[in-house]
Amino acid sequence: MENYDQKLGIKLWAEEDRPREKLLQHGRRYLTDAELIAILIGSGNRNETAVDLSKRILSFYDNNLIKIGKASIQDLSKFKGIGEAKAVSIVAALELGLRRKETQEEQVLQVTASSDVHRYLHRTFTGLNHEEFWILLLNRSNHIIGKHLISKGGQAGTVADPKIIFKIALEYNAANIVLAHNHPSGSLKPSDSDDKLTKDLIASGQMLGLYVVDHLIFANNRYYSYKDDQMM
């Protein structure tokens, strides 16, 4: 028989302490991260309420939602009381949050500095455990006219094919291009292959009248800019 000295079910709590009721009465801003996750998972396990279980998950990931966002369904399912369905709910909710942020950041329409690129793209790279290579397409006044995923690979890296990059840029009548990729290792230091690719793309773009104006490397919510470092 379940020991209620150890666990007092959420339904037996004072109404103002229940996450769902709290959200309905006071709004989502009044809920803690643990309470919001508790609403997603609905129930805990034999020894923990949904809120207690959510607190334990948050604690494991240093109370960092970005770290939880990197967790796989298999990782989350290791917590007692979190099956595949609950893990899927958590992953889906965090992904929606990222996409909402990306939509808001599409208000950045003109690139005047590397910080504009970072603000526009950093959510694209948040939570990735593999490398991805993207390009931003700009018109002559450096207004963003599109972003495109060129390639993705493993933790060791990915291959960006210049032919694909310039084919896309020509199709969209771009005048300028910004390169961007992430380092899952967390290092912002450009590799030798990063340097060579950047140099080759700059040279090829000049012949086509398509100018590479910057190349950003993203890692752990920070970034490196070739242009800011006067490397191009």
Protein backbone atom coordinates (compact mmCIF):
# COMPACT_ATOMS: atom_id res chain seq x y z
CA MET A 1 0.00 0.00 0.00
CA GLU A 2 1.31 3.45 -0.89
CA ASN A 3 2.83 5.39 2.00
CA TYR A 4 1.06 8.77 2.12
CA ASP A 5 3.48 9.97 4.80
CA GLN A 6 6.07 10.04 2.02
CA LYS A 7 3.87 11.30 -0.76
CA LEU A 8 0.83 13.55 -0.62
CA GLY A 9 -0.85 13.44 -4.03
CA ILE A 10 -1.35 16.71 -5.86
CA LYS A 11 -5.12 16.20 -5.75
CA LEU A 12 -4.96 16.39 -1.94
CA TRP A 13 -2.99 19.63 -1.91
CA ALA A 14 -4.61 22.99 -1.23
CA GLU A 15 -6.14 24.11 -4.52
CA GLU A 16 -3.87 27.15 -4.80
CA ASP A 17 -0.84 24.85 -4.68
CA ARG A 18 -1.89 22.62 -7.58
CA PRO A 19 -0.01 23.53 -10.78
CA ARG A 20 -3.02 23.42 -13.12
CA GLU A 21 -5.24 25.39 -10.76
CA LYS A 22 -2.41 27.81 -10.09
CA LEU A 23 -2.01 28.43 -13.82
CA LEU A 24 -5.75 28.94 -14.30
CA GLN A 25 -6.08 31.29 -11.36
CA HIS A 26 -2.87 33.29 -11.61
CA GLY A 27 -1.43 32.72 -15.08
CA ARG A 28 1.59 30.88 -16.43
CA ARG A 29 4.12 33.44 -15.18
CA TYR A 30 3.39 32.46 -11.57
CA LEU A 31 4.48 28.85 -12.06
CA THR A 32 7.98 27.57 -11.43
CA ASP A 33 9.79 25.51 -14.07
CA ALA A 34 9.07 22.40 -11.99
CA GLU A 35 5.37 23.17 -11.87
CA LEU A 36 5.21 23.69 -15.63
CA ILE A 37 6.96 20.37 -16.25
CA ALA A 38 4.62 18.73 -13.71
CA ILE A 39 1.65 19.83 -15.83
CA LEU A 40 3.28 18.19 -18.86
CA ILE A 41 3.92 14.84 -17.18
CA GLY A 42 0.64 14.80 -15.23
CA SER A 43 1.73 12.37 -12.51
CA GLY A 44 4.80 11.29 -10.61
CA ASN A 45 5.71 7.86 -9.25
CA ARG A 46 4.93 5.91 -6.07
CA ASN A 47 7.23 8.05 -3.97
CA GLU A 48 7.13 11.44 -5.67
CA THR A 49 4.47 13.85 -6.84
CA ALA A 50 4.72 15.18 -10.37
CA VAL A 51 6.24 18.38 -8.96
CA ASP A 52 8.82 16.49 -6.89
CA LEU A 53 9.78 14.38 -9.88
CA SER A 54 10.06 17.49 -12.02
CA LYS A 55 12.30 19.12 -9.40
CA ARG A 56 14.55 16.05 -9.45
CA ILE A 57 14.82 16.15 -13.24
CA LEU A 58 15.63 19.86 -13.14
CA SER A 59 18.22 19.30 -10.42
CA PHE A 60 19.90 16.58 -12.46
CA TYR A 61 20.29 19.07 -15.32
CA ASP A 62 21.49 21.88 -13.02
CA ASN A 63 18.10 23.62 -13.27
CA ASN A 64 19.05 24.55 -16.81
CA LEU A 65 16.29 24.24 -19.41
CA ILE A 66 18.84 24.40 -22.22
CA LYS A 67 20.53 21.27 -20.84
CA ILE A 68 17.17 19.51 -20.55
CA GLY A 69 16.49 20.53 -24.14
CA LYS A 70 19.58 18.57 -25.18
CA ALA A 71 18.33 15.42 -23.42
CA SER A 72 16.98 12.63 -25.59
CA ILE A 73 13.77 10.72 -25.01
CA GLN A 74 15.91 7.82 -23.83
CA ASP A 75 17.73 10.05 -21.33
CA LEU A 76 14.50 11.36 -19.81
CA SER A 77 12.92 7.91 -19.72
CA LYS A 78 15.60 6.81 -17.24
CA PHE A 79 13.85 8.77 -14.48
CA LYS A 80 11.43 6.62 -12.51
CA GLY A 81 7.94 7.73 -13.43
CA ILE A 82 8.92 9.11 -16.84
CA GLY A 83 7.93 6.74 -19.60
CA GLU A 84 8.29 7.31 -23.31
CA ALA A 85 5.02 9.27 -23.61
CA LYS A 86 5.96 11.72 -20.84
CA ALA A 87 9.47 12.11 -22.23
CA VAL A 88 8.00 12.90 -25.65
CA SER A 89 5.77 15.56 -24.06
CA ILE A 90 8.75 17.25 -22.41
CA VAL A 91 10.86 17.17 -25.58
CA ALA A 92 7.97 18.48 -27.69
CA ALA A 93 7.19 21.32 -25.28
CA LEU A 94 10.80 22.49 -25.14
CA GLU A 95 11.05 22.35 -28.94
CA LEU A 96 7.92 24.49 -29.26
CA GLY A 97 9.49 27.00 -26.91
CA LEU A 98 12.57 27.19 -29.11
CA ARG A 99 10.50 27.58 -32.27
CA ARG A 100 8.44 30.34 -30.68
CA LYS A 101 11.66 32.16 -29.85
CA GLU A 102 12.91 31.67 -33.41
CA THR A 103 9.69 33.16 -34.78
CA GLN A 104 10.09 36.21 -32.57
CA GLU A 105 13.70 36.59 -33.65
CA GLU A 106 12.71 36.71 -37.30
CA GLN A 107 11.87 40.33 -36.55
CA VAL A 108 15.61 40.91 -37.10
CA LEU A 109 15.53 41.80 -40.76
CA GLN A 110 18.81 43.58 -41.39
CA VAL A 111 22.33 42.47 -40.50
CA THR A 112 24.55 45.33 -39.40
CA ALA A 113 26.83 43.41 -37.01
CA SER A 114 27.68 39.87 -35.94
CA SER A 115 25.36 40.30 -32.94
CA ASP A 116 22.40 40.53 -35.33
CA VAL A 117 23.33 37.15 -36.83
CA HIS A 118 23.77 35.66 -33.36
CA ARG A 119 20.39 36.95 -32.23
CA TYR A 120 18.75 35.58 -35.37
CA LEU A 121 20.39 32.15 -35.41
CA HIS A 122 21.41 31.19 -31.87
CA ARG A 123 18.16 29.34 -31.18
CA THR A 124 18.74 27.33 -34.33
CA PHE A 125 21.86 25.88 -32.74
CA THR A 126 20.62 25.65 -29.13
CA GLY A 127 20.48 22.11 -27.81
CA LEU A 128 22.23 20.44 -30.74
CA ASN A 129 24.50 17.49 -30.02
CA HIS A 130 25.65 17.34 -33.63
CA GLU A 131 27.13 19.87 -36.02
CA GLU A 132 25.01 21.80 -38.52
CA PHE A 133 26.04 24.27 -41.21
CA TRP A 134 23.61 27.06 -42.16
CA ILE A 135 23.75 30.09 -44.41
CA LEU A 136 21.92 33.40 -44.20
CA LEU A 137 21.07 34.99 -47.52
CA LEU A 138 21.15 38.79 -47.67
CA ASN A 139 20.23 41.33 -50.32
CA ARG A 140 22.47 44.29 -51.23
CA SER A 141 21.34 46.27 -48.17
CA ASN A 142 22.00 43.21 -45.96
CA HIS A 143 18.35 42.52 -45.24
CA ILE A 144 17.76 38.83 -44.55
CA ILE A 145 15.92 37.10 -47.37
CA GLY A 146 16.29 33.53 -46.14
CA LYS A 147 18.17 30.96 -44.11
CA HIS A 148 19.04 27.46 -45.27
CA LEU A 149 20.46 24.31 -43.71
CA ILE A 150 23.34 23.15 -45.87
CA SER A 151 24.42 20.03 -44.03
CA LYS A 152 24.48 18.27 -40.69
CA GLY A 153 26.67 15.56 -39.29
CA GLY A 154 28.01 14.10 -36.09
CA GLN A 155 29.98 15.55 -33.21
CA ALA A 156 33.16 15.43 -35.28
CA GLY A 157 31.84 17.80 -37.92
CA THR A 158 29.90 18.20 -41.12
CA VAL A 159 30.74 18.94 -44.75
CA ALA A 160 29.60 22.17 -46.39
CA ASP A 161 29.58 21.83 -50.16
CA PRO A 162 30.38 25.18 -51.85
CA LYS A 163 28.41 24.15 -54.95
CA ILE A 164 25.22 23.76 -52.87
CA ILE A 165 25.82 27.03 -51.01
CA PHE A 166 26.22 29.12 -54.16
CA LYS A 167 23.45 27.28 -56.02
CA ILE A 168 20.99 28.26 -53.27
CA ALA A 169 22.31 31.82 -53.14
CA LEU A 170 21.90 32.24 -56.89
CA GLU A 171 18.41 30.77 -56.87
CA TYR A 172 17.32 33.37 -54.30
CA ASN A 173 19.18 36.24 -55.97
CA ALA A 174 21.25 36.88 -52.86
CA ALA A 175 23.97 39.50 -52.92
CA ASN A 176 25.71 38.58 -49.67
CA ILE A 177 26.05 35.43 -47.58
CA VAL A 178 26.70 34.77 -43.90
CA LEU A 179 28.08 31.35 -42.97
CA ALA A 180 27.26 29.77 -39.62
CA HIS A 181 27.91 26.46 -37.93
CA ASN A 182 28.19 25.10 -34.41
CA HIS A 183 30.82 23.22 -32.44
CA PRO A 184 29.13 20.61 -30.20
CA SER A 185 32.43 20.33 -28.30
CA GLY A 186 31.84 23.79 -26.86
CA SER A 187 35.05 25.23 -28.32
CA LEU A 188 34.81 28.49 -30.23
CA LYS A 189 38.24 28.14 -31.81
CA PRO A 190 38.04 27.75 -35.60
CA SER A 191 39.58 24.57 -36.93
CA ASP A 192 42.00 24.45 -39.82
CA SER A 193 39.19 23.11 -42.00
CA ASP A 194 36.96 26.01 -40.88
CA ASP A 195 39.66 28.48 -41.95
CA LYS A 196 40.20 26.77 -45.30
CA LEU A 197 36.47 26.58 -46.06
CA THR A 198 36.00 30.24 -45.19
CA LYS A 199 38.92 31.30 -47.39
CA ASP A 200 37.75 29.15 -50.30
CA LEU A 201 34.16 30.39 -50.10
CA ILE A 202 35.24 34.02 -49.97
CA ALA A 203 37.37 33.55 -53.08
CA SER A 204 34.69 31.62 -54.98
CA GLY A 205 32.01 34.13 -53.99
CA GLN A 206 34.02 37.07 -55.28
CA MET A 207 34.22 35.46 -58.72
CA LEU A 208 30.43 35.02 -58.74
CA GLY A 209 29.63 38.43 -57.29
CA LEU A 210 28.29 36.76 -54.12
CA TYR A 211 30.11 38.08 -51.10
CA VAL A 212 30.69 36.14 -47.89
CA VAL A 213 30.42 38.89 -45.26
CA ASP A 214 30.97 36.82 -42.11
CA HIS A 215 31.30 33.33 -40.70
CA LEU A 216 30.04 32.64 -37.18
CA ILE A 217 30.80 29.64 -34.97
CA PHE A 218 28.27 28.92 -32.22
CA ALA A 219 29.01 27.05 -28.97
CA ASN A 220 27.34 27.10 -25.54
CA ASN A 221 25.36 30.30 -26.15
CA ARG A 222 28.51 32.12 -27.28
CA TYR A 223 29.85 32.80 -30.73
CA TYR A 224 33.00 33.58 -32.68
CA SER A 225 32.94 35.92 -35.69
CA TYR A 226 35.60 35.80 -38.38
CA LYS A 227 34.82 39.40 -39.32
CA ASP A 228 35.03 40.69 -35.74
CA ASP A 229 38.36 38.89 -35.35
CA GLN A 230 39.55 40.50 -38.60
CA MET A 231 40.06 37.10 -40.18
CA MET A 232 38.24 38.09 -43.37
